[in-house]
């Protein structure tokens, strides 16, 4: 099996914490560094200008000779290390200078690959100019530091880096190219526009749907990149089916998203952090609702990007509404948190004042549903559904639902704890996704010994079923619910019943669930999944070597 000497990998999320791809790359880096020490080079956008990037530490001595060459060529780069486990080399490139050449670049793209950039809008231009700049960085480095006998890989993540992959494909055929789509742009758009994706997947024409949904340019760059790179990959079997149907291209390898658990606390530290998280959760809930919550309160949550339908936030709220009337747990209190970042304005001052007082309250604040004010309170989907269902966290309600609409980075003004320090305080995490190519949130939950609920429309859920050999149940650590385009109501009932099942368990059974969850997470470590990347590297390098032989003739 061929192995690369150098791996270049570009993504909009290198040293730029936006979404799940940041987690993919930043956790995998340590494993790659162990085998390719400082020959794994990540390329990301310089979005920071003069401000320091919190995830990046510049080192002007690193690759100093090449940096001088890059400066002479007009490349505006910062070289340093990504401040993550393994501390790989990262190059941040300023892509702003290339906007003046935009039409010329898009013309080249059309002439060589028939990519339609005419309908570009929004983030297409910004992503494309970054992608072009990243390719110029690789071209410069390769020509200055390496030679045609060096086995090199260029891996591009998501449509945003497709232009660069095509540039490398054309200008540096000696390099093996890999393109990874973490979610097809057109599939996400179909799902996000409330169209049934799965029942009609076989019948959809990706190009036609791109026109209907005004996605021509993103779909075009994604499709043509998939067609022309040496190895086309995605992150799960469910997204692989999307690729085949919507982009007319089967993937060469599925690269499941792994995880590193070295930041999960152990032993007494875990217990201490779990207790601290629950204490803070109960303080916030008491200050907001005027109810007291003891250690027997069941804490559940959902989290992720604010994709109301795709992430299943709508069905989560519906399931909590049904749970209110379930008499099987009439003696139980349940706290349900929705942790998705909305258009947040500021932390509630009245809630902050109560939290400062360090005492127990017996009256609720006005609007005891939300921890931070939003800019669009009257048009927010979560608040809208809660109002429609008449869910107001009344005193008699056994299920209290609280919307926490901000990123948990430790400085939000209310929780003031990081996400990983909060998630381990849950009893159960619920991610009933309708569209989820992989699903890091359930994987993170089980790594922290929190059993979770997910669906078989999530890549992680499908993978878990494969590991178990059957549909996951709560006793396996992950309950996997069958979800379709049309069974919203049944899914809500399944979630409700699973929460009831957990609430009625003995402490011993809950302990077994938590142990099973942790056991499953160990099977998703990068040490288990990196083998699929080696397969992709082999495919790409084999094709690149064949081109080299032709070029030498």
Protein backbone atom coordinates (compact mmCIF):
# COMPACT_ATOMS: atom_id res chain seq x y z
CA UNK A 1 0.00 0.00 0.00
CA UNK A 2 1.43 3.36 -1.03
CA UNK A 3 1.99 5.92 1.72
CA UNK A 4 2.50 9.67 1.27
CA UNK A 5 5.63 11.45 2.41
CA UNK A 6 3.80 14.78 2.55
CA UNK A 7 0.12 15.42 3.20
CA UNK A 8 -1.36 18.83 2.41
CA UNK A 9 -4.89 19.33 3.65
CA UNK A 10 -7.04 22.41 3.12
CA UNK A 11 -10.27 23.43 4.76
CA UNK A 12 -12.11 26.61 5.62
CA UNK A 13 -12.09 25.27 9.20
CA UNK A 14 -8.32 24.96 9.69
CA UNK A 15 -7.61 27.15 12.74
CA UNK A 16 -11.15 28.47 12.26
CA UNK A 17 -13.70 26.88 14.60
CA UNK A 18 -16.97 26.96 12.69
CA UNK A 19 -18.51 23.48 12.73
CA UNK A 20 -17.95 19.75 12.71
CA UNK A 21 -15.14 19.73 10.14
CA UNK A 22 -12.97 21.55 12.68
CA UNK A 23 -13.46 18.57 15.00
CA UNK A 24 -12.67 16.07 12.22
CA UNK A 25 -9.39 17.71 11.28
CA UNK A 26 -8.25 18.81 14.72
CA UNK A 27 -8.75 15.40 16.34
CA UNK A 28 -7.25 13.47 13.42
CA UNK A 29 -4.12 15.64 13.34
CA UNK A 30 -2.51 13.94 16.32
CA UNK A 31 -2.75 10.49 14.70
CA UNK A 32 -1.24 11.79 11.44
CA UNK A 33 1.52 13.63 13.27
CA UNK A 34 2.57 10.36 14.92
CA UNK A 35 3.27 8.79 11.51
CA UNK A 36 4.16 11.88 9.43
CA UNK A 37 5.79 14.22 11.92
CA UNK A 38 5.71 17.77 10.53
CA UNK A 39 5.01 16.46 7.05
CA UNK A 40 1.28 17.02 7.53
CA UNK A 41 0.59 20.62 6.57
CA UNK A 42 -2.85 22.15 7.08
CA UNK A 43 -3.84 25.19 5.04
CA UNK A 44 -6.57 27.50 6.25
CA UNK A 45 -7.91 31.01 5.62
CA UNK A 46 -6.36 34.00 7.33
CA UNK A 47 -9.61 35.48 8.62
CA UNK A 48 -7.92 37.31 11.45
CA UNK A 49 -5.84 40.06 9.87
CA UNK A 50 -3.95 41.90 12.61
CA UNK A 51 -5.91 40.21 15.40
CA UNK A 52 -4.36 37.07 16.92
CA UNK A 53 -6.01 33.79 15.99
CA UNK A 54 -6.85 31.91 19.22
CA UNK A 55 -6.18 28.52 17.58
CA UNK A 56 -2.87 29.36 15.90
CA UNK A 57 0.63 30.26 17.07
CA UNK A 58 2.87 31.85 14.46
CA UNK A 59 6.50 30.71 14.28
CA UNK A 60 8.60 32.81 11.94
CA UNK A 61 11.50 30.34 12.08
CA UNK A 62 9.33 27.50 10.77
CA UNK A 63 9.83 26.84 7.02
CA UNK A 64 11.75 30.13 6.95
CA UNK A 65 13.45 29.58 3.57
CA UNK A 66 10.19 28.76 1.83
CA UNK A 67 8.44 31.67 3.53
CA UNK A 68 10.94 34.06 1.99
CA UNK A 69 10.27 32.49 -1.41
CA UNK A 70 6.51 32.77 -0.83
CA UNK A 71 6.90 36.45 0.06
CA UNK A 72 8.85 37.03 -3.16
CA UNK A 73 5.98 35.39 -5.08
CA UNK A 74 3.43 37.68 -3.46
CA UNK A 75 1.83 35.03 -1.25
CA UNK A 76 0.67 36.52 2.05
CA UNK A 77 1.03 33.68 4.54
CA UNK A 78 1.47 33.07 8.25
CA UNK A 79 3.31 29.89 9.18
CA UNK A 80 3.03 28.33 12.60
CA UNK A 81 1.30 25.60 14.53
CA UNK A 82 -2.33 24.73 15.04
CA UNK A 83 -2.78 24.71 18.82
CA UNK A 84 -4.41 21.30 19.07
CA UNK A 85 -3.11 17.88 20.18
CA UNK A 86 -0.11 17.04 17.96
CA UNK A 87 0.44 20.73 17.11
CA UNK A 88 0.73 20.19 13.34
CA UNK A 89 2.15 22.81 10.99
CA UNK A 90 -0.50 25.19 9.73
CA UNK A 91 -0.30 27.83 7.02
CA UNK A 92 -2.89 30.61 7.02
CA UNK A 93 -3.18 32.40 3.70
CA UNK A 94 -4.67 35.81 2.95
CA UNK A 95 -7.01 35.30 -0.01
CA UNK A 96 -8.25 38.89 -0.36
CA UNK A 97 -5.73 39.85 -3.11
CA UNK A 98 -7.28 37.33 -5.53
CA UNK A 99 -10.72 38.95 -5.71
CA UNK A 100 -9.42 41.30 -8.41
CA UNK A 101 -8.68 38.19 -10.52
CA UNK A 102 -11.99 36.53 -9.74
CA UNK A 103 -13.43 36.62 -13.25
CA UNK A 104 -10.17 35.38 -14.75
CA UNK A 105 -10.05 32.49 -12.24
CA UNK A 106 -13.68 31.56 -12.90
CA UNK A 107 -13.03 31.72 -16.64
CA UNK A 108 -10.13 29.26 -16.26
CA UNK A 109 -12.38 27.02 -14.17
CA UNK A 110 -15.04 26.99 -16.89
CA UNK A 111 -12.61 26.41 -19.74
CA UNK A 112 -10.91 23.49 -18.02
CA UNK A 113 -13.66 21.88 -15.94
CA UNK A 114 -16.99 23.41 -17.06
CA UNK A 115 -17.69 24.70 -13.54
CA UNK A 116 -20.61 27.15 -13.59
CA UNK A 117 -19.70 30.15 -11.41
CA UNK A 118 -22.18 32.53 -13.07
CA UNK A 119 -24.79 31.96 -10.40
CA UNK A 120 -22.40 32.52 -7.50
CA UNK A 121 -23.64 34.40 -4.46
CA UNK A 122 -23.02 34.62 -0.73
CA UNK A 123 -19.98 32.67 0.48
CA UNK A 124 -19.13 31.14 -2.93
CA UNK A 125 -16.67 33.87 -3.93
CA UNK A 126 -14.96 34.01 -0.56
CA UNK A 127 -14.54 30.23 -0.40
CA UNK A 128 -13.30 30.05 -3.98
CA UNK A 129 -10.65 32.73 -3.53
CA UNK A 130 -9.40 30.98 -0.40
CA UNK A 131 -9.33 27.66 -2.22
CA UNK A 132 -7.33 29.19 -5.08
CA UNK A 133 -4.88 30.78 -2.63
CA UNK A 134 -4.44 27.47 -0.79
CA UNK A 135 -3.56 25.74 -4.07
CA UNK A 136 -0.97 28.45 -4.83
CA UNK A 137 0.59 27.79 -1.41
CA UNK A 138 0.93 24.08 -2.20
CA UNK A 139 2.28 24.82 -5.68
CA UNK A 140 4.90 27.19 -4.27
CA UNK A 141 5.94 24.82 -1.48
CA UNK A 142 6.11 21.81 -3.80
CA UNK A 143 8.23 23.59 -6.42
CA UNK A 144 10.64 25.00 -3.82
CA UNK A 145 10.98 22.17 -1.29
CA UNK A 146 10.05 18.91 -3.04
CA UNK A 147 10.54 17.08 -6.32
CA UNK A 148 8.63 14.74 -8.60
CA UNK A 149 9.79 11.67 -6.68
CA UNK A 150 8.15 12.89 -3.47
CA UNK A 151 4.91 11.08 -2.75
CA UNK A 152 2.42 13.87 -2.03
CA UNK A 153 -1.28 14.04 -1.20
CA UNK A 154 -3.56 17.06 -1.40
CA UNK A 155 -6.84 16.56 0.45
CA UNK A 156 -9.62 19.10 -0.01
CA UNK A 157 -12.59 19.24 2.38
CA UNK A 158 -16.05 20.32 1.20
CA UNK A 159 -17.08 22.24 -1.91
CA UNK A 160 -15.30 25.33 -0.53
CA UNK A 161 -11.94 23.79 -1.40
CA UNK A 162 -12.92 22.26 -4.73
CA UNK A 163 -11.36 24.96 -6.90
CA UNK A 164 -7.96 24.38 -5.31
CA UNK A 165 -8.21 20.62 -5.82
CA UNK A 166 -8.94 21.16 -9.53
CA UNK A 167 -6.04 23.61 -9.79
CA UNK A 168 -3.66 21.04 -8.27
CA UNK A 169 -5.10 18.38 -10.54
CA UNK A 170 -4.24 20.50 -13.59
CA UNK A 171 -1.00 22.21 -12.56
CA UNK A 172 0.63 19.54 -10.39
CA UNK A 173 -0.43 16.14 -11.73
CA UNK A 174 2.38 14.57 -9.69
CA UNK A 175 0.29 15.09 -6.54
CA UNK A 176 -2.47 12.66 -5.64
CA UNK A 177 -5.74 14.48 -4.98
CA UNK A 178 -8.52 13.54 -2.55
CA UNK A 179 -11.84 15.34 -2.23
CA UNK A 180 -14.01 14.76 0.84
CA UNK A 181 -17.57 15.99 0.87
CA UNK A 182 -18.84 16.01 4.46
CA UNK A 183 -22.38 16.69 3.21
CA UNK A 184 -23.55 17.26 -0.33
CA UNK A 185 -24.56 20.87 -0.83
CA UNK A 186 -27.63 19.89 -2.82
CA UNK A 187 -28.73 17.17 -0.37
CA UNK A 188 -28.50 19.56 2.56
CA UNK A 189 -30.45 22.14 0.55
CA UNK A 190 -33.23 19.69 -0.38
CA UNK A 191 -33.61 18.66 3.26
CA UNK A 192 -33.36 22.25 4.52
CA UNK A 193 -36.13 23.35 2.15
CA UNK A 194 -38.56 20.82 3.67
CA UNK A 195 -38.56 18.60 0.61
CA UNK A 196 -38.60 14.81 1.16
CA UNK A 197 -35.02 13.70 0.51
CA UNK A 198 -34.91 9.96 1.11
CA UNK A 199 -38.05 8.48 -0.47
CA UNK A 200 -37.31 10.37 -3.69
CA UNK A 201 -33.53 10.19 -3.65
CA UNK A 202 -33.50 7.70 -6.54
CA UNK A 203 -35.62 10.07 -8.64
CA UNK A 204 -33.92 13.41 -7.98
CA UNK A 205 -31.64 14.85 -10.62
CA UNK A 206 -28.93 16.82 -8.83
CA UNK A 207 -28.37 19.33 -11.64
CA UNK A 208 -32.10 19.99 -11.99
CA UNK A 209 -32.55 20.43 -8.22
CA UNK A 210 -29.56 22.79 -8.10
CA UNK A 211 -31.34 25.03 -10.58
CA UNK A 212 -34.63 24.85 -8.69
CA UNK A 213 -32.98 25.70 -5.35
CA UNK A 214 -30.56 28.31 -6.71
CA UNK A 215 -27.55 26.13 -5.87
CA UNK A 216 -26.01 25.86 -9.35
CA UNK A 217 -22.53 27.14 -8.55
CA UNK A 218 -21.94 25.23 -5.32
CA UNK A 219 -23.31 22.03 -6.82
CA UNK A 220 -21.25 22.53 -9.98
CA UNK A 221 -17.89 22.94 -8.21
CA UNK A 222 -18.67 20.03 -5.91
CA UNK A 223 -19.70 17.71 -8.73
CA UNK A 224 -16.80 18.54 -11.03
CA UNK A 225 -14.29 18.19 -8.21
CA UNK A 226 -15.72 14.77 -7.38
CA UNK A 227 -15.46 13.77 -11.04
CA UNK A 228 -11.84 14.82 -11.56
CA UNK A 229 -9.89 14.11 -8.35
CA UNK A 230 -8.01 10.85 -7.91
CA UNK A 231 -10.06 9.72 -4.91
CA UNK A 232 -13.58 10.90 -4.05
CA UNK A 233 -14.65 10.28 -0.46
CA UNK A 234 -17.38 11.07 2.04
CA UNK A 235 -17.97 10.37 5.72
CA UNK A 236 -20.79 7.82 5.87
CA UNK A 237 -22.73 5.26 3.88
CA UNK A 238 -25.85 7.44 3.90
CA UNK A 239 -23.98 10.36 2.31
CA UNK A 240 -22.33 7.98 -0.13
CA UNK A 241 -25.83 7.17 -1.44
CA UNK A 242 -26.50 10.89 -1.83
CA UNK A 243 -23.31 11.32 -3.83
CA UNK A 244 -24.23 8.51 -6.20
CA UNK A 245 -27.76 9.82 -6.82
CA UNK A 246 -27.24 13.60 -6.72
CA UNK A 247 -23.72 13.96 -8.15
CA UNK A 248 -23.72 10.92 -10.44
CA UNK A 249 -20.46 9.75 -8.88
CA UNK A 250 -19.87 6.86 -6.51
CA UNK A 251 -17.36 7.46 -3.75
CA UNK A 252 -14.11 5.53 -3.77
CA UNK A 253 -13.82 5.25 0.02
CA UNK A 254 -15.99 6.12 3.01
CA UNK A 255 -13.93 7.95 5.65
CA UNK A 256 -15.90 7.77 8.94
CA UNK A 257 -15.20 10.56 11.38
CA UNK A 258 -13.10 9.45 14.30
CA UNK A 259 -12.41 10.98 17.65
CA UNK A 260 -9.68 11.44 20.24
CA UNK A 261 -10.78 11.06 23.84
CA UNK A 262 -7.65 12.36 25.54
CA UNK A 263 -9.55 15.41 26.83
CA UNK A 264 -12.22 13.28 28.55
CA UNK A 265 -11.52 13.45 32.30
CA UNK A 266 -10.90 10.19 34.14
CA UNK A 267 -11.76 8.83 37.57
CA UNK A 268 -12.26 11.37 40.34
CA UNK A 269 -11.78 14.27 37.90
CA UNK A 270 -14.71 13.02 35.81
CA UNK A 271 -16.97 12.76 38.86
CA UNK A 272 -15.95 16.22 40.04
CA UNK A 273 -16.63 17.78 36.62
CA UNK A 274 -19.96 15.98 36.26
CA UNK A 275 -21.07 17.22 39.68
CA UNK A 276 -19.95 20.76 38.82
CA UNK A 277 -21.89 20.68 35.53
CA UNK A 278 -25.09 19.45 37.18
CA UNK A 279 -24.76 22.02 39.97
CA UNK A 280 -24.51 24.83 37.39
CA UNK A 281 -27.38 23.42 35.31
CA UNK A 282 -29.63 23.27 38.38
CA UNK A 283 -28.65 26.80 39.48
CA UNK A 284 -29.58 28.24 36.09
CA UNK A 285 -32.84 26.27 35.93
CA UNK A 286 -33.83 27.35 39.44
CA UNK A 287 -33.04 31.03 38.81
CA UNK A 288 -35.03 30.91 35.57
CA UNK A 289 -38.06 28.80 36.55
CA UNK A 290 -38.27 29.17 40.35
CA UNK A 291 -38.30 25.38 40.76
CA UNK A 292 -35.77 23.35 42.76
CA UNK A 293 -34.03 20.36 41.25
CA UNK A 294 -32.42 17.57 43.22
CA UNK A 295 -29.93 14.91 42.14
CA UNK A 296 -32.75 12.66 40.90
CA UNK A 297 -33.78 15.18 38.23
CA UNK A 298 -33.29 13.76 34.73
CA UNK A 299 -31.24 16.13 32.57
CA UNK A 300 -31.54 15.77 28.79
CA UNK A 301 -30.34 18.01 25.98
CA UNK A 302 -29.95 18.44 22.26
CA UNK A 303 -27.25 20.54 20.60
CA UNK A 304 -25.58 21.37 17.31
CA UNK A 305 -26.04 23.89 14.52
CA UNK A 306 -29.34 25.75 14.37
CA UNK A 307 -30.85 23.68 11.56
CA UNK A 308 -34.31 23.41 13.00
CA UNK A 309 -35.57 20.50 10.93
CA UNK A 310 -32.32 18.90 9.79
CA UNK A 311 -30.98 18.51 13.34
CA UNK A 312 -34.35 17.38 14.67
CA UNK A 313 -34.86 20.30 17.06
CA UNK A 314 -38.53 20.35 16.06
CA UNK A 315 -39.11 16.71 16.96
CA UNK A 316 -37.12 17.10 20.20
CA UNK A 317 -39.51 19.84 21.35
CA UNK A 318 -42.54 17.79 20.30
CA UNK A 319 -41.27 14.77 22.27
CA UNK A 320 -40.80 16.90 25.39
CA UNK A 321 -44.35 18.21 24.98
CA UNK A 322 -45.69 14.66 24.89
CA UNK A 323 -43.55 13.73 27.88
CA UNK A 324 -45.40 16.38 29.92
CA UNK A 325 -48.52 14.22 29.83
CA UNK A 326 -46.94 10.80 30.33
CA UNK A 327 -48.21 9.52 33.67
CA UNK A 328 -45.62 6.75 33.92
CA UNK A 329 -43.15 9.29 35.26
CA UNK A 330 -45.57 11.51 37.19
CA UNK A 331 -43.13 11.62 40.12
CA UNK A 332 -40.06 12.59 38.05
CA UNK A 333 -38.68 16.02 37.16
CA UNK A 334 -37.05 16.45 33.76
CA UNK A 335 -34.88 19.33 32.61
CA UNK A 336 -34.53 19.58 28.83
CA UNK A 337 -31.98 21.94 27.28
CA UNK A 338 -31.82 23.11 23.67
CA UNK A 339 -28.20 24.18 23.11
CA UNK A 340 -28.14 25.59 19.60
CA UNK A 341 -26.65 29.01 18.77
CA UNK A 342 -29.31 31.42 17.55
CA UNK A 343 -29.16 35.10 16.70
CA UNK A 344 -28.12 35.88 20.23
CA UNK A 345 -28.23 39.42 21.56
CA UNK A 346 -27.06 39.47 25.17
CA UNK A 347 -27.26 37.40 28.34
CA UNK A 348 -30.33 38.17 30.42
CA UNK A 349 -29.44 40.69 33.11
CA UNK A 350 -32.28 39.55 35.38
CA UNK A 351 -30.96 35.99 35.20
CA UNK A 352 -27.38 37.16 35.80
CA UNK A 353 -28.50 39.10 38.88
CA UNK A 354 -30.23 36.03 40.32
CA UNK A 355 -27.22 33.81 39.68
CA UNK A 356 -24.97 36.27 41.52
CA UNK A 357 -27.13 36.01 44.64
CA UNK A 358 -26.21 32.37 45.19
CA UNK A 359 -29.58 31.46 46.68
CA UNK A 360 -32.65 29.39 45.86
CA UNK A 361 -35.65 31.06 44.24
CA UNK A 362 -39.32 30.06 44.35
CA UNK A 363 -40.69 32.38 41.67
CA UNK A 364 -40.04 32.28 37.92
CA UNK A 365 -38.66 35.09 35.81
CA UNK A 366 -40.74 36.47 32.97
CA UNK A 367 -40.29 34.25 29.90
CA UNK A 368 -38.66 31.38 31.85
CA UNK A 369 -37.76 29.58 28.62
CA UNK A 370 -34.54 31.24 27.51
CA UNK A 371 -31.17 32.25 28.99
CA UNK A 372 -30.13 34.97 26.51
CA UNK A 373 -32.23 37.54 24.65
CA UNK A 374 -32.36 37.15 20.89
CA UNK A 375 -32.45 39.77 18.17
CA UNK A 376 -35.42 37.99 16.57
CA UNK A 377 -37.49 36.85 19.55
CA UNK A 378 -40.78 37.02 17.62
CA UNK A 379 -39.46 35.07 14.62
CA UNK A 380 -37.31 32.40 16.28
CA UNK A 381 -38.26 28.82 15.39
CA UNK A 382 -37.65 27.33 18.83
CA UNK A 383 -39.62 29.99 20.69
CA UNK A 384 -42.30 29.86 18.00
CA UNK A 385 -42.85 26.12 18.47
CA UNK A 386 -42.84 26.41 22.27
CA UNK A 387 -45.50 29.13 22.01
CA UNK A 388 -47.54 27.07 19.55
CA UNK A 389 -47.45 24.07 21.92
CA UNK A 390 -48.29 26.31 24.90
CA UNK A 391 -45.09 25.29 26.72
CA UNK A 392 -44.25 28.03 29.25
CA UNK A 393 -42.47 26.11 32.06
CA UNK A 394 -45.43 26.51 34.40
CA UNK A 395 -44.96 25.56 38.03
CA UNK A 396 -47.00 22.38 37.60
CA UNK A 397 -45.04 21.24 34.53
CA UNK A 398 -42.80 18.28 35.38
CA UNK A 399 -40.84 18.81 32.17
CA UNK A 400 -39.05 22.14 31.97
CA UNK A 401 -37.49 23.10 28.63
CA UNK A 402 -34.78 25.77 28.45
CA UNK A 403 -33.33 27.34 25.30
CA UNK A 404 -29.63 28.14 25.58
CA UNK A 405 -29.07 29.96 22.26
CA UNK A 406 -25.31 30.57 22.26
CA UNK A 407 -22.00 28.81 21.75
CA UNK A 408 -20.75 27.33 25.01
CA UNK A 409 -17.22 28.70 24.91
CA UNK A 410 -16.92 29.49 28.61
CA UNK A 411 -17.74 33.18 28.40
CA UNK A 412 -21.42 33.41 27.47
CA UNK A 413 -22.37 35.33 30.63
CA UNK A 414 -24.79 32.71 32.01
CA UNK A 415 -23.35 29.19 31.93
CA UNK A 416 -19.72 30.32 31.67
CA UNK A 417 -18.56 26.75 31.08
CA UNK A 418 -17.30 25.13 27.90
CA UNK A 419 -19.46 22.66 26.00
CA UNK A 420 -17.38 19.63 26.94
CA UNK A 421 -17.62 20.65 30.61
CA UNK A 422 -21.41 20.87 30.33
CA UNK A 423 -22.28 17.82 28.22
CA UNK A 424 -21.06 15.34 30.83
CA UNK A 425 -23.71 16.70 33.23
CA UNK A 426 -26.48 15.15 31.12
CA UNK A 427 -28.25 11.88 31.83
CA UNK A 428 -29.31 11.48 28.22
CA UNK A 429 -28.48 13.37 25.00
CA UNK A 430 -30.98 13.44 22.15
CA UNK A 431 -30.04 14.06 18.50
CA UNK A 432 -33.01 13.01 16.33
CA UNK A 433 -31.51 14.26 13.06
CA UNK A 434 -33.32 14.24 9.75
CA UNK A 435 -30.18 15.19 7.80
CA UNK A 436 -26.84 14.30 9.40
CA UNK A 437 -23.99 12.96 7.24
CA UNK A 438 -22.07 11.81 10.34
CA UNK A 439 -22.97 13.30 13.72
CA UNK A 440 -20.24 14.32 16.12
CA UNK A 441 -22.62 15.34 18.89
CA UNK A 442 -23.73 11.77 19.71
CA UNK A 443 -20.13 10.55 19.45
CA UNK A 444 -19.01 13.26 21.86
CA UNK A 445 -21.85 12.35 24.23
CA UNK A 446 -20.96 8.66 24.45
CA UNK A 447 -17.28 9.54 24.91
CA UNK A 448 -18.40 11.36 28.08
CA UNK A 449 -20.37 8.26 29.18
CA UNK A 450 -23.72 9.86 28.34
CA UNK A 451 -26.14 7.48 26.58
CA UNK A 452 -27.83 9.09 23.60
CA UNK A 453 -30.67 8.86 21.13
CA UNK A 454 -30.00 9.33 17.42
CA UNK A 455 -31.54 8.14 14.15
CA UNK A 456 -30.66 5.93 11.22
CA UNK A 457 -30.59 9.03 9.01
CA UNK A 458 -27.36 10.01 10.79
CA UNK A 459 -24.11 8.43 9.69
CA UNK A 460 -23.16 7.76 13.29
CA UNK A 461 -26.45 6.01 13.94
CA UNK A 462 -25.97 3.73 10.93
CA UNK A 463 -22.41 2.97 12.05
CA UNK A 464 -23.58 2.17 15.59
CA UNK A 465 -26.17 -0.27 14.20
CA UNK A 466 -23.39 -1.96 12.23
CA UNK A 467 -21.27 -2.33 15.35
CA UNK A 468 -24.18 -3.73 17.38
CA UNK A 469 -25.48 -5.96 14.60
CA UNK A 470 -28.98 -4.65 15.30
CA UNK A 471 -30.80 -1.37 15.90
CA UNK A 472 -29.20 0.21 18.92
CA UNK A 473 -31.12 0.16 22.19
CA UNK A 474 -30.60 2.18 25.35
CA UNK A 475 -28.80 -0.73 27.00
CA UNK A 476 -26.24 -0.56 24.14
CA UNK A 477 -25.47 3.06 25.05
CA UNK A 478 -27.12 4.43 21.88
CA UNK A 479 -30.77 4.19 20.97
CA UNK A 480 -31.07 4.36 17.17
CA UNK A 481 -34.55 5.33 15.97
CA UNK A 482 -35.76 4.54 12.47
CA UNK A 483 -36.59 7.83 10.78
CA UNK A 484 -38.11 8.52 7.36
CA UNK A 485 -39.42 11.52 5.45
CA UNK A 486 -42.84 11.11 7.01
CA UNK A 487 -42.72 9.50 10.48
CA UNK A 488 -42.18 12.65 12.58
CA UNK A 489 -44.93 11.70 15.05
CA UNK A 490 -43.62 8.17 15.59
CA UNK A 491 -40.10 9.53 16.19
CA UNK A 492 -41.45 11.92 18.83
CA UNK A 493 -43.12 8.98 20.58
CA UNK A 494 -39.97 6.85 20.40
CA UNK A 495 -37.96 9.65 22.02
CA UNK A 496 -40.59 10.13 24.74
CA UNK A 497 -40.70 6.41 25.47
CA UNK A 498 -36.90 6.16 25.59
CA UNK A 499 -36.68 9.00 28.12
CA UNK A 500 -39.35 7.24 30.19
CA UNK A 501 -37.38 3.98 29.93
CA UNK A 502 -34.27 5.72 31.23
CA UNK A 503 -36.15 7.53 34.00
CA UNK A 504 -37.57 4.23 35.30
CA UNK A 505 -34.23 2.40 35.27
CA UNK A 506 -32.45 1.37 38.43
CA UNK A 507 -29.12 3.02 39.24
CA UNK A 508 -27.40 -0.24 38.32
CA UNK A 509 -29.02 -0.32 34.88
CA UNK A 510 -28.13 3.32 34.26
CA UNK A 511 -24.55 2.57 35.17
CA UNK A 512 -24.54 -0.25 32.60
CA UNK A 513 -25.91 2.14 29.96
CA UNK A 514 -23.16 4.63 30.68
CA UNK A 515 -20.50 1.92 30.50
CA UNK A 516 -21.90 0.69 27.17
CA UNK A 517 -21.83 4.23 25.78
CA UNK A 518 -18.19 4.66 26.72
CA UNK A 519 -17.33 1.24 25.26
CA UNK A 520 -18.88 2.18 21.90
CA UNK A 521 -16.92 5.45 21.77
CA UNK A 522 -13.65 3.50 21.96
CA UNK A 523 -14.51 1.83 18.65
CA UNK A 524 -14.66 5.26 16.97
CA UNK A 525 -11.18 6.45 17.94
CA UNK A 526 -8.92 7.64 15.13
CA UNK A 527 -6.64 4.70 15.83
CA UNK A 528 -9.52 2.54 14.53
CA UNK A 529 -10.61 4.75 11.60
CA UNK A 530 -7.30 6.02 10.22
CA UNK A 531 -7.00 2.82 8.15
CA UNK A 532 -9.64 4.18 5.75
CA UNK A 533 -7.49 7.26 5.09
CA UNK A 534 -4.53 5.04 4.26
CA UNK A 535 -6.73 3.31 1.68
CA UNK A 536 -7.66 6.68 0.15
CA UNK A 537 -4.00 7.76 0.10
CA UNK A 538 -3.11 4.54 -1.73
CA UNK A 539 -5.79 5.07 -4.39
CA UNK A 540 -4.73 8.69 -5.01
CA UNK A 541 -0.99 7.96 -5.08
CA UNK A 542 -1.44 5.00 -7.42
CA UNK A 543 -3.18 7.26 -9.95
CA UNK A 544 -0.60 10.03 -9.49
CA UNK A 545 2.25 7.56 -10.05
CA UNK A 546 0.62 6.38 -13.27
CA UNK A 547 0.52 10.00 -14.48
CA UNK A 548 4.18 10.50 -13.57
CA UNK A 549 5.17 7.57 -15.78
CA UNK A 550 3.26 9.09 -18.68
CA UNK A 551 4.85 12.50 -18.08
CA UNK A 552 8.37 11.02 -18.06
CA UNK A 553 7.93 9.36 -21.45
